[in-house]
mmCIF file of all heavy atoms, coordinates in Angstrom:
data_MODEL
# 
_entry.id   MODEL 
# 
loop_
_atom_site.group_PDB 
_atom_site.id 
_atom_site.type_symbol 
_atom_site.label_atom_id 
_atom_site.label_alt_id 
_atom_site.label_comp_id 
_atom_site.label_asym_id 
_atom_site.label_entity_id 
_atom_site.label_seq_id 
_atom_site.pdbx_PDB_ins_code 
_atom_site.Cartn_x 
_atom_site.Cartn_y 
_atom_site.Cartn_z 
_atom_site.occupancy 
_atom_site.B_iso_or_equiv 
_atom_site.pdbx_formal_charge 
_atom_site.auth_seq_id 
_atom_site.auth_comp_id 
_atom_site.auth_asym_id 
_atom_site.auth_atom_id 
_atom_site.pdbx_PDB_model_num 
ATOM 1   N N   . ALA A 1 1  ? 4.134  -8.110  -15.227 1.00 0.00 ? 1  ALA A N   1 
ATOM 2   C CA  . ALA A 1 1  ? 4.371  -6.855  -15.622 1.00 0.00 ? 1  ALA A CA  1 
ATOM 3   C C   . ALA A 1 1  ? 5.678  -6.703  -16.243 1.00 0.00 ? 1  ALA A C   1 
ATOM 4   O O   . ALA A 1 1  ? 5.912  -5.886  -17.231 1.00 0.00 ? 1  ALA A O   1 
ATOM 5   C CB  . ALA A 1 1  ? 4.415  -5.973  -14.295 1.00 0.00 ? 1  ALA A CB  1 
ATOM 6   N N   . LEU A 1 2  ? 6.747  -7.393  -15.856 1.00 0.00 ? 2  LEU A N   1 
ATOM 7   C CA  . LEU A 1 2  ? 8.038  -7.413  -16.530 1.00 0.00 ? 2  LEU A CA  1 
ATOM 8   C C   . LEU A 1 2  ? 7.902  -7.917  -17.917 1.00 0.00 ? 2  LEU A C   1 
ATOM 9   O O   . LEU A 1 2  ? 8.477  -7.240  -18.950 1.00 0.00 ? 2  LEU A O   1 
ATOM 10  C CB  . LEU A 1 2  ? 9.053  -8.195  -15.766 1.00 0.00 ? 2  LEU A CB  1 
ATOM 11  C CG  . LEU A 1 2  ? 9.739  -7.512  -14.533 1.00 0.00 ? 2  LEU A CG  1 
ATOM 12  C CD1 . LEU A 1 2  ? 10.500 -8.613  -13.768 1.00 0.00 ? 2  LEU A CD1 1 
ATOM 13  C CD2 . LEU A 1 2  ? 10.603 -6.417  -14.971 1.00 0.00 ? 2  LEU A CD2 1 
ATOM 14  N N   . ILE A 1 3  ? 7.276  -9.022  -18.068 1.00 0.00 ? 3  ILE A N   1 
ATOM 15  C CA  . ILE A 1 3  ? 7.039  -9.606  -19.441 1.00 0.00 ? 3  ILE A CA  1 
ATOM 16  C C   . ILE A 1 3  ? 6.296  -8.560  -20.314 1.00 0.00 ? 3  ILE A C   1 
ATOM 17  O O   . ILE A 1 3  ? 6.831  -8.277  -21.517 1.00 0.00 ? 3  ILE A O   1 
ATOM 18  C CB  . ILE A 1 3  ? 6.234  -10.871 -19.433 1.00 0.00 ? 3  ILE A CB  1 
ATOM 19  C CG1 . ILE A 1 3  ? 7.062  -11.936 -18.667 1.00 0.00 ? 3  ILE A CG1 1 
ATOM 20  C CG2 . ILE A 1 3  ? 5.838  -11.410 -20.725 1.00 0.00 ? 3  ILE A CG2 1 
ATOM 21  C CD1 . ILE A 1 3  ? 6.242  -13.245 -18.318 1.00 0.00 ? 3  ILE A CD1 1 
ATOM 22  N N   . GLU A 1 4  ? 5.259  -8.056  -19.942 1.00 0.00 ? 4  GLU A N   1 
ATOM 23  C CA  . GLU A 1 4  ? 4.398  -7.112  -20.798 1.00 0.00 ? 4  GLU A CA  1 
ATOM 24  C C   . GLU A 1 4  ? 5.198  -5.745  -20.923 1.00 0.00 ? 4  GLU A C   1 
ATOM 25  O O   . GLU A 1 4  ? 5.010  -5.089  -22.005 1.00 0.00 ? 4  GLU A O   1 
ATOM 26  C CB  . GLU A 1 4  ? 3.086  -6.902  -20.086 1.00 0.00 ? 4  GLU A CB  1 
ATOM 27  C CG  . GLU A 1 4  ? 2.219  -8.186  -20.012 1.00 0.00 ? 4  GLU A CG  1 
ATOM 28  C CD  . GLU A 1 4  ? 1.951  -8.825  -21.354 1.00 0.00 ? 4  GLU A CD  1 
ATOM 29  O OE1 . GLU A 1 4  ? 1.894  -8.104  -22.365 1.00 0.00 ? 4  GLU A OE1 1 
ATOM 30  O OE2 . GLU A 1 4  ? 1.942  -10.036 -21.353 1.00 0.00 ? 4  GLU A OE2 1 
ATOM 31  N N   . GLY A 1 5  ? 5.944  -5.353  -19.894 1.00 0.00 ? 5  GLY A N   1 
ATOM 32  C CA  . GLY A 1 5  ? 6.700  -4.114  -20.037 1.00 0.00 ? 5  GLY A CA  1 
ATOM 33  C C   . GLY A 1 5  ? 7.805  -4.236  -21.172 1.00 0.00 ? 5  GLY A C   1 
ATOM 34  O O   . GLY A 1 5  ? 8.038  -3.243  -21.909 1.00 0.00 ? 5  GLY A O   1 
ATOM 35  N N   . ILE A 1 6  ? 8.516  -5.393  -21.140 1.00 0.00 ? 6  ILE A N   1 
ATOM 36  C CA  . ILE A 1 6  ? 9.533  -5.486  -22.247 1.00 0.00 ? 6  ILE A CA  1 
ATOM 37  C C   . ILE A 1 6  ? 8.902  -5.524  -23.589 1.00 0.00 ? 6  ILE A C   1 
ATOM 38  O O   . ILE A 1 6  ? 9.589  -4.991  -24.529 1.00 0.00 ? 6  ILE A O   1 
ATOM 39  C CB  . ILE A 1 6  ? 10.380 -6.850  -21.943 1.00 0.00 ? 6  ILE A CB  1 
ATOM 40  C CG1 . ILE A 1 6  ? 11.213 -6.709  -20.624 1.00 0.00 ? 6  ILE A CG1 1 
ATOM 41  C CG2 . ILE A 1 6  ? 11.231 -7.113  -23.125 1.00 0.00 ? 6  ILE A CG2 1 
ATOM 42  C CD1 . ILE A 1 6  ? 11.778 -7.934  -20.145 1.00 0.00 ? 6  ILE A CD1 1 
ATOM 43  N N   . LYS A 1 7  ? 7.724  -6.092  -23.712 1.00 0.00 ? 7  LYS A N   1 
ATOM 44  C CA  . LYS A 1 7  ? 7.146  -6.150  -25.014 1.00 0.00 ? 7  LYS A CA  1 
ATOM 45  C C   . LYS A 1 7  ? 6.677  -4.773  -25.554 1.00 0.00 ? 7  LYS A C   1 
ATOM 46  O O   . LYS A 1 7  ? 6.474  -4.575  -26.747 1.00 0.00 ? 7  LYS A O   1 
ATOM 47  C CB  . LYS A 1 7  ? 5.781  -6.987  -24.815 1.00 0.00 ? 7  LYS A CB  1 
ATOM 48  C CG  . LYS A 1 7  ? 6.063  -8.456  -24.674 1.00 0.00 ? 7  LYS A CG  1 
ATOM 49  C CD  . LYS A 1 7  ? 4.752  -9.284  -24.578 1.00 0.00 ? 7  LYS A CD  1 
ATOM 50  C CE  . LYS A 1 7  ? 5.015  -10.710 -24.328 1.00 0.00 ? 7  LYS A CE  1 
ATOM 51  N NZ  . LYS A 1 7  ? 3.665  -11.481 -24.159 1.00 0.00 ? 7  LYS A NZ  1 
ATOM 52  N N   . LEU A 1 8  ? 6.664  -3.748  -24.623 1.00 0.00 ? 8  LEU A N   1 
ATOM 53  C CA  . LEU A 1 8  ? 6.396  -2.394  -25.156 1.00 0.00 ? 8  LEU A CA  1 
ATOM 54  C C   . LEU A 1 8  ? 7.496  -1.842  -25.965 1.00 0.00 ? 8  LEU A C   1 
ATOM 55  O O   . LEU A 1 8  ? 7.386  -0.803  -26.636 1.00 0.00 ? 8  LEU A O   1 
ATOM 56  C CB  . LEU A 1 8  ? 6.129  -1.483  -23.937 1.00 0.00 ? 8  LEU A CB  1 
ATOM 57  C CG  . LEU A 1 8  ? 4.873  -1.814  -23.027 1.00 0.00 ? 8  LEU A CG  1 
ATOM 58  C CD1 . LEU A 1 8  ? 4.722  -0.854  -21.813 1.00 0.00 ? 8  LEU A CD1 1 
ATOM 59  C CD2 . LEU A 1 8  ? 3.580  -1.781  -23.835 1.00 0.00 ? 8  LEU A CD2 1 
ATOM 60  N N   . VAL A 1 9  ? 8.692  -2.392  -25.734 1.00 0.00 ? 9  VAL A N   1 
ATOM 61  C CA  . VAL A 1 9  ? 9.915  -1.758  -26.364 1.00 0.00 ? 9  VAL A CA  1 
ATOM 62  C C   . VAL A 1 9  ? 10.244 -2.443  -27.663 1.00 0.00 ? 9  VAL A C   1 
ATOM 63  O O   . VAL A 1 9  ? 10.382 -3.770  -27.670 1.00 0.00 ? 9  VAL A O   1 
ATOM 64  C CB  . VAL A 1 9  ? 11.201 -1.914  -25.412 1.00 0.00 ? 9  VAL A CB  1 
ATOM 65  C CG1 . VAL A 1 9  ? 12.327 -1.208  -26.002 1.00 0.00 ? 9  VAL A CG1 1 
ATOM 66  C CG2 . VAL A 1 9  ? 10.748 -1.357  -24.075 1.00 0.00 ? 9  VAL A CG2 1 
ATOM 67  N N   . PRO A 1 10 ? 10.473 -1.688  -28.798 1.00 0.00 ? 10 PRO A N   1 
ATOM 68  C CA  . PRO A 1 10 ? 10.837 -2.283  -29.995 1.00 0.00 ? 10 PRO A CA  1 
ATOM 69  C C   . PRO A 1 10 ? 12.118 -3.106  -29.919 1.00 0.00 ? 10 PRO A C   1 
ATOM 70  O O   . PRO A 1 10 ? 13.040 -2.754  -29.186 1.00 0.00 ? 10 PRO A O   1 
ATOM 71  C CB  . PRO A 1 10 ? 11.032 -1.105  -30.966 1.00 0.00 ? 10 PRO A CB  1 
ATOM 72  C CG  . PRO A 1 10 ? 10.180 0.003   -30.353 1.00 0.00 ? 10 PRO A CG  1 
ATOM 73  C CD  . PRO A 1 10 ? 10.345 -0.259  -28.951 1.00 0.00 ? 10 PRO A CD  1 
ATOM 74  N N   . SER A 1 11 ? 12.182 -4.191  -30.587 1.00 0.00 ? 11 SER A N   1 
ATOM 75  C CA  . SER A 1 11 ? 13.383 -5.082  -30.567 1.00 0.00 ? 11 SER A CA  1 
ATOM 76  C C   . SER A 1 11 ? 14.547 -4.319  -31.041 1.00 0.00 ? 11 SER A C   1 
ATOM 77  O O   . SER A 1 11 ? 14.569 -3.572  -32.054 1.00 0.00 ? 11 SER A O   1 
ATOM 78  C CB  . SER A 1 11 ? 13.147 -6.337  -31.507 1.00 0.00 ? 11 SER A CB  1 
ATOM 79  O OG  . SER A 1 11 ? 14.235 -7.102  -31.470 1.00 0.00 ? 11 SER A OG  1 
ATOM 80  N N   . GLY A 1 12 ? 15.699 -4.437  -30.272 1.00 0.00 ? 12 GLY A N   1 
ATOM 81  C CA  . GLY A 1 12 ? 16.923 -3.808  -30.620 1.00 0.00 ? 12 GLY A CA  1 
ATOM 82  C C   . GLY A 1 12 ? 17.117 -2.443  -29.895 1.00 0.00 ? 12 GLY A C   1 
ATOM 83  O O   . GLY A 1 12 ? 18.211 -1.842  -29.950 1.00 0.00 ? 12 GLY A O   1 
ATOM 84  N N   . THR A 1 13 ? 16.072 -1.977  -29.179 1.00 0.00 ? 13 THR A N   1 
ATOM 85  C CA  . THR A 1 13 ? 16.194 -0.726  -28.480 1.00 0.00 ? 13 THR A CA  1 
ATOM 86  C C   . THR A 1 13 ? 16.668 -0.976  -27.079 1.00 0.00 ? 13 THR A C   1 
ATOM 87  O O   . THR A 1 13 ? 16.116 -1.678  -26.258 1.00 0.00 ? 13 THR A O   1 
ATOM 88  C CB  . THR A 1 13 ? 14.788 -0.044  -28.378 1.00 0.00 ? 13 THR A CB  1 
ATOM 89  O OG1 . THR A 1 13 ? 14.244 0.187   -29.661 1.00 0.00 ? 13 THR A OG1 1 
ATOM 90  C CG2 . THR A 1 13 ? 14.889 1.282   -27.618 1.00 0.00 ? 13 THR A CG2 1 
ATOM 91  N N   . ALA A 1 14 ? 17.804 -0.327  -26.780 1.00 0.00 ? 14 ALA A N   1 
ATOM 92  C CA  . ALA A 1 14 ? 18.420 -0.507  -25.478 1.00 0.00 ? 14 ALA A CA  1 
ATOM 93  C C   . ALA A 1 14 ? 17.602 0.216   -24.434 1.00 0.00 ? 14 ALA A C   1 
ATOM 94  O O   . ALA A 1 14 ? 17.290 1.391   -24.595 1.00 0.00 ? 14 ALA A O   1 
ATOM 95  C CB  . ALA A 1 14 ? 19.881 -0.034  -25.362 1.00 0.00 ? 14 ALA A CB  1 
ATOM 96  N N   . VAL A 1 15 ? 17.251 -0.534  -23.315 1.00 0.00 ? 15 VAL A N   1 
ATOM 97  C CA  . VAL A 1 15 ? 16.442 0.186   -22.333 1.00 0.00 ? 15 VAL A CA  1 
ATOM 98  C C   . VAL A 1 15 ? 16.625 -0.533  -20.972 1.00 0.00 ? 15 VAL A C   1 
ATOM 99  O O   . VAL A 1 15 ? 16.924 -1.715  -20.987 1.00 0.00 ? 15 VAL A O   1 
ATOM 100 C CB  . VAL A 1 15 ? 15.004 0.186   -22.667 1.00 0.00 ? 15 VAL A CB  1 
ATOM 101 C CG1 . VAL A 1 15 ? 14.465 -1.133  -22.633 1.00 0.00 ? 15 VAL A CG1 1 
ATOM 102 C CG2 . VAL A 1 15 ? 14.191 1.185   -21.811 1.00 0.00 ? 15 VAL A CG2 1 
ATOM 103 N N   . THR A 1 16 ? 16.459 0.261   -19.873 1.00 0.00 ? 16 THR A N   1 
ATOM 104 C CA  . THR A 1 16 ? 16.452 -0.334  -18.529 1.00 0.00 ? 16 THR A CA  1 
ATOM 105 C C   . THR A 1 16 ? 15.050 -0.538  -18.105 1.00 0.00 ? 16 THR A C   1 
ATOM 106 O O   . THR A 1 16 ? 14.200 0.225   -18.213 1.00 0.00 ? 16 THR A O   1 
ATOM 107 C CB  . THR A 1 16 ? 17.140 0.568   -17.509 1.00 0.00 ? 16 THR A CB  1 
ATOM 108 O OG1 . THR A 1 16 ? 18.510 0.716   -17.886 1.00 0.00 ? 16 THR A OG1 1 
ATOM 109 C CG2 . THR A 1 16 ? 17.139 -0.111  -16.178 1.00 0.00 ? 16 THR A CG2 1 
ATOM 110 N N   . VAL A 1 17 ? 14.794 -1.837  -17.671 1.00 0.00 ? 17 VAL A N   1 
ATOM 111 C CA  . VAL A 1 17 ? 13.511 -2.129  -17.188 1.00 0.00 ? 17 VAL A CA  1 
ATOM 112 C C   . VAL A 1 17 ? 13.499 -2.226  -15.720 1.00 0.00 ? 17 VAL A C   1 
ATOM 113 O O   . VAL A 1 17 ? 14.233 -3.013  -15.097 1.00 0.00 ? 17 VAL A O   1 
ATOM 114 C CB  . VAL A 1 17 ? 12.982 -3.513  -17.831 1.00 0.00 ? 17 VAL A CB  1 
ATOM 115 C CG1 . VAL A 1 17 ? 11.513 -3.846  -17.374 1.00 0.00 ? 17 VAL A CG1 1 
ATOM 116 C CG2 . VAL A 1 17 ? 13.041 -3.412  -19.341 1.00 0.00 ? 17 VAL A CG2 1 
ATOM 117 N N   . TYR A 1 18 ? 12.657 -1.402  -14.989 1.00 0.00 ? 18 TYR A N   1 
ATOM 118 C CA  . TYR A 1 18 ? 12.638 -1.278  -13.565 1.00 0.00 ? 18 TYR A CA  1 
ATOM 119 C C   . TYR A 1 18 ? 11.564 -2.098  -12.971 1.00 0.00 ? 18 TYR A C   1 
ATOM 120 O O   . TYR A 1 18 ? 10.414 -2.056  -13.488 1.00 0.00 ? 18 TYR A O   1 
ATOM 121 C CB  . TYR A 1 18 ? 12.523 0.149   -13.133 1.00 0.00 ? 18 TYR A CB  1 
ATOM 122 C CG  . TYR A 1 18 ? 13.758 1.008   -13.539 1.00 0.00 ? 18 TYR A CG  1 
ATOM 123 C CD1 . TYR A 1 18 ? 13.732 1.770   -14.662 1.00 0.00 ? 18 TYR A CD1 1 
ATOM 124 C CD2 . TYR A 1 18 ? 14.875 1.085   -12.694 1.00 0.00 ? 18 TYR A CD2 1 
ATOM 125 C CE1 . TYR A 1 18 ? 14.793 2.553   -15.054 1.00 0.00 ? 18 TYR A CE1 1 
ATOM 126 C CE2 . TYR A 1 18 ? 15.831 1.948   -13.007 1.00 0.00 ? 18 TYR A CE2 1 
ATOM 127 C CZ  . TYR A 1 18 ? 15.841 2.631   -14.204 1.00 0.00 ? 18 TYR A CZ  1 
ATOM 128 O OH  . TYR A 1 18 ? 17.005 3.414   -14.541 1.00 0.00 ? 18 TYR A OH  1 
ATOM 129 N N   . THR A 1 19 ? 11.880 -2.853  -11.880 1.00 0.00 ? 19 THR A N   1 
ATOM 130 C CA  . THR A 1 19 ? 10.832 -3.501  -11.056 1.00 0.00 ? 19 THR A CA  1 
ATOM 131 C C   . THR A 1 19 ? 11.124 -3.123  -9.630  1.00 0.00 ? 19 THR A C   1 
ATOM 132 O O   . THR A 1 19 ? 12.212 -3.102  -9.258  1.00 0.00 ? 19 THR A O   1 
ATOM 133 C CB  . THR A 1 19 ? 10.804 -5.059  -11.299 1.00 0.00 ? 19 THR A CB  1 
ATOM 134 O OG1 . THR A 1 19 ? 9.894  -5.620  -10.363 1.00 0.00 ? 19 THR A OG1 1 
ATOM 135 C CG2 . THR A 1 19 ? 12.207 -5.522  -11.030 1.00 0.00 ? 19 THR A CG2 1 
ATOM 136 N N   . ASP A 1 20 ? 10.054 -2.912  -8.858  1.00 0.00 ? 20 ASP A N   1 
ATOM 137 C CA  . ASP A 1 20 ? 10.292 -2.763  -7.371  1.00 0.00 ? 20 ASP A CA  1 
ATOM 138 C C   . ASP A 1 20 ? 10.247 -4.067  -6.552  1.00 0.00 ? 20 ASP A C   1 
ATOM 139 O O   . ASP A 1 20 ? 10.207 -4.023  -5.387  1.00 0.00 ? 20 ASP A O   1 
ATOM 140 C CB  . ASP A 1 20 ? 9.345  -1.704  -6.817  1.00 0.00 ? 20 ASP A CB  1 
ATOM 141 C CG  . ASP A 1 20 ? 7.871  -2.047  -6.914  1.00 0.00 ? 20 ASP A CG  1 
ATOM 142 O OD1 . ASP A 1 20 ? 7.474  -3.291  -7.175  1.00 0.00 ? 20 ASP A OD1 1 
ATOM 143 O OD2 . ASP A 1 20 ? 6.849  -1.207  -6.757  1.00 0.00 ? 20 ASP A OD2 1 
ATOM 144 N N   . SER A 1 21 ? 10.155 -5.193  -7.269  1.00 0.00 ? 21 SER A N   1 
ATOM 145 C CA  . SER A 1 21 ? 10.243 -6.478  -6.656  1.00 0.00 ? 21 SER A CA  1 
ATOM 146 C C   . SER A 1 21 ? 11.737 -7.009  -6.755  1.00 0.00 ? 21 SER A C   1 
ATOM 147 O O   . SER A 1 21 ? 12.124 -7.396  -7.864  1.00 0.00 ? 21 SER A O   1 
ATOM 148 C CB  . SER A 1 21 ? 9.361  -7.484  -7.342  1.00 0.00 ? 21 SER A CB  1 
ATOM 149 O OG  . SER A 1 21 ? 9.685  -8.769  -7.012  1.00 0.00 ? 21 SER A OG  1 
ATOM 150 N N   . ASN A 1 22 ? 12.434 -6.926  -5.722  1.00 0.00 ? 22 ASN A N   1 
ATOM 151 C CA  . ASN A 1 22 ? 13.781 -7.380  -5.650  1.00 0.00 ? 22 ASN A CA  1 
ATOM 152 C C   . ASN A 1 22 ? 13.832 -8.800  -5.931  1.00 0.00 ? 22 ASN A C   1 
ATOM 153 O O   . ASN A 1 22 ? 14.721 -9.426  -6.640  1.00 0.00 ? 22 ASN A O   1 
ATOM 154 C CB  . ASN A 1 22 ? 14.456 -7.117  -4.326  1.00 0.00 ? 22 ASN A CB  1 
ATOM 155 C CG  . ASN A 1 22 ? 15.895 -7.203  -4.374  1.00 0.00 ? 22 ASN A CG  1 
ATOM 156 O OD1 . ASN A 1 22 ? 16.594 -6.978  -5.385  1.00 0.00 ? 22 ASN A OD1 1 
ATOM 157 N ND2 . ASN A 1 22 ? 16.531 -7.532  -3.236  1.00 0.00 ? 22 ASN A ND2 1 
ATOM 158 N N   . LEU A 1 23 ? 12.752 -9.559  -5.575  1.00 0.00 ? 23 LEU A N   1 
ATOM 159 C CA  . LEU A 1 23 ? 12.690 -11.051 -5.856  1.00 0.00 ? 23 LEU A CA  1 
ATOM 160 C C   . LEU A 1 23 ? 12.599 -11.295 -7.300  1.00 0.00 ? 23 LEU A C   1 
ATOM 161 O O   . LEU A 1 23 ? 13.196 -12.211 -7.825  1.00 0.00 ? 23 LEU A O   1 
ATOM 162 C CB  . LEU A 1 23 ? 11.467 -11.521 -5.176  1.00 0.00 ? 23 LEU A CB  1 
ATOM 163 C CG  . LEU A 1 23 ? 11.255 -13.046 -5.116  1.00 0.00 ? 23 LEU A CG  1 
ATOM 164 C CD1 . LEU A 1 23 ? 12.322 -13.739 -4.302  1.00 0.00 ? 23 LEU A CD1 1 
ATOM 165 C CD2 . LEU A 1 23 ? 9.901  -13.435 -4.596  1.00 0.00 ? 23 LEU A CD2 1 
ATOM 166 N N   . ALA A 1 24 ? 11.879 -10.511 -8.106  1.00 0.00 ? 24 ALA A N   1 
ATOM 167 C CA  . ALA A 1 24 ? 11.678 -10.746 -9.473  1.00 0.00 ? 24 ALA A CA  1 
ATOM 168 C C   . ALA A 1 24 ? 12.985 -10.363 -10.195 1.00 0.00 ? 24 ALA A C   1 
ATOM 169 O O   . ALA A 1 24 ? 13.381 -10.979 -11.125 1.00 0.00 ? 24 ALA A O   1 
ATOM 170 C CB  . ALA A 1 24 ? 10.524 -9.814  -10.050 1.00 0.00 ? 24 ALA A CB  1 
ATOM 171 N N   . ALA A 1 25 ? 13.672 -9.236  -9.749  1.00 0.00 ? 25 ALA A N   1 
ATOM 172 C CA  . ALA A 1 25 ? 14.874 -8.782  -10.345 1.00 0.00 ? 25 ALA A CA  1 
ATOM 173 C C   . ALA A 1 25 ? 15.975 -9.846  -10.126 1.00 0.00 ? 25 ALA A C   1 
ATOM 174 O O   . ALA A 1 25 ? 16.704 -10.233 -11.110 1.00 0.00 ? 25 ALA A O   1 
ATOM 175 C CB  . ALA A 1 25 ? 15.312 -7.368  -9.813  1.00 0.00 ? 25 ALA A CB  1 
ATOM 176 N N   . ARG A 1 26 ? 16.101 -10.412 -8.987  1.00 0.00 ? 26 ARG A N   1 
ATOM 177 C CA  . ARG A 1 26 ? 17.153 -11.461 -8.786  1.00 0.00 ? 26 ARG A CA  1 
ATOM 178 C C   . ARG A 1 26 ? 16.725 -12.717 -9.403  1.00 0.00 ? 26 ARG A C   1 
ATOM 179 O O   . ARG A 1 26 ? 17.675 -13.425 -9.848  1.00 0.00 ? 26 ARG A O   1 
ATOM 180 C CB  . ARG A 1 26 ? 17.170 -11.657 -7.241  1.00 0.00 ? 26 ARG A CB  1 
ATOM 181 C CG  . ARG A 1 26 ? 17.737 -10.425 -6.415  1.00 0.00 ? 26 ARG A CG  1 
ATOM 182 C CD  . ARG A 1 26 ? 18.064 -10.696 -4.998  1.00 0.00 ? 26 ARG A CD  1 
ATOM 183 N NE  . ARG A 1 26 ? 19.190 -11.561 -4.854  1.00 0.00 ? 26 ARG A NE  1 
ATOM 184 C CZ  . ARG A 1 26 ? 19.593 -12.080 -3.725  1.00 0.00 ? 26 ARG A CZ  1 
ATOM 185 N NH1 . ARG A 1 26 ? 18.900 -11.958 -2.581  1.00 0.00 ? 26 ARG A NH1 1 
ATOM 186 N NH2 . ARG A 1 26 ? 20.749 -12.852 -3.657  1.00 0.00 ? 26 ARG A NH2 1 
ATOM 187 N N   . THR A 1 27 ? 15.541 -12.941 -9.544  1.00 0.00 ? 27 THR A N   1 
ATOM 188 C CA  . THR A 1 27 ? 15.073 -14.187 -10.310 1.00 0.00 ? 27 THR A CA  1 
ATOM 189 C C   . THR A 1 27 ? 15.698 -14.167 -11.708 1.00 0.00 ? 27 THR A C   1 
ATOM 190 O O   . THR A 1 27 ? 16.381 -15.135 -12.116 1.00 0.00 ? 27 THR A O   1 
ATOM 191 C CB  . THR A 1 27 ? 13.524 -14.318 -10.403 1.00 0.00 ? 27 THR A CB  1 
ATOM 192 O OG1 . THR A 1 27 ? 12.994 -14.615 -9.072  1.00 0.00 ? 27 THR A OG1 1 
ATOM 193 C CG2 . THR A 1 27 ? 13.165 -15.442 -11.273 1.00 0.00 ? 27 THR A CG2 1 
ATOM 194 N N   . VAL A 1 28 ? 15.486 -13.123 -12.424 1.00 0.00 ? 28 VAL A N   1 
ATOM 195 C CA  . VAL A 1 28 ? 15.958 -13.085 -13.812 1.00 0.00 ? 28 VAL A CA  1 
ATOM 196 C C   . VAL A 1 28 ? 17.401 -12.786 -13.998 1.00 0.00 ? 28 VAL A C   1 
ATOM 197 O O   . VAL A 1 28 ? 18.111 -13.324 -14.904 1.00 0.00 ? 28 VAL A O   1 
ATOM 198 C CB  . VAL A 1 28 ? 15.134 -12.013 -14.642 1.00 0.00 ? 28 VAL A CB  1 
ATOM 199 C CG1 . VAL A 1 28 ? 15.443 -10.618 -14.164 1.00 0.00 ? 28 VAL A CG1 1 
ATOM 200 C CG2 . VAL A 1 28 ? 15.388 -12.236 -16.123 1.00 0.00 ? 28 VAL A CG2 1 
# 
């Protein structure tokens, strides 16, 4: 979901990507 979510945003566009998985957030 994180990978595909980031792909939704045009390159160079600043954005916060939210995940409710603390494990995934800490991983990256």
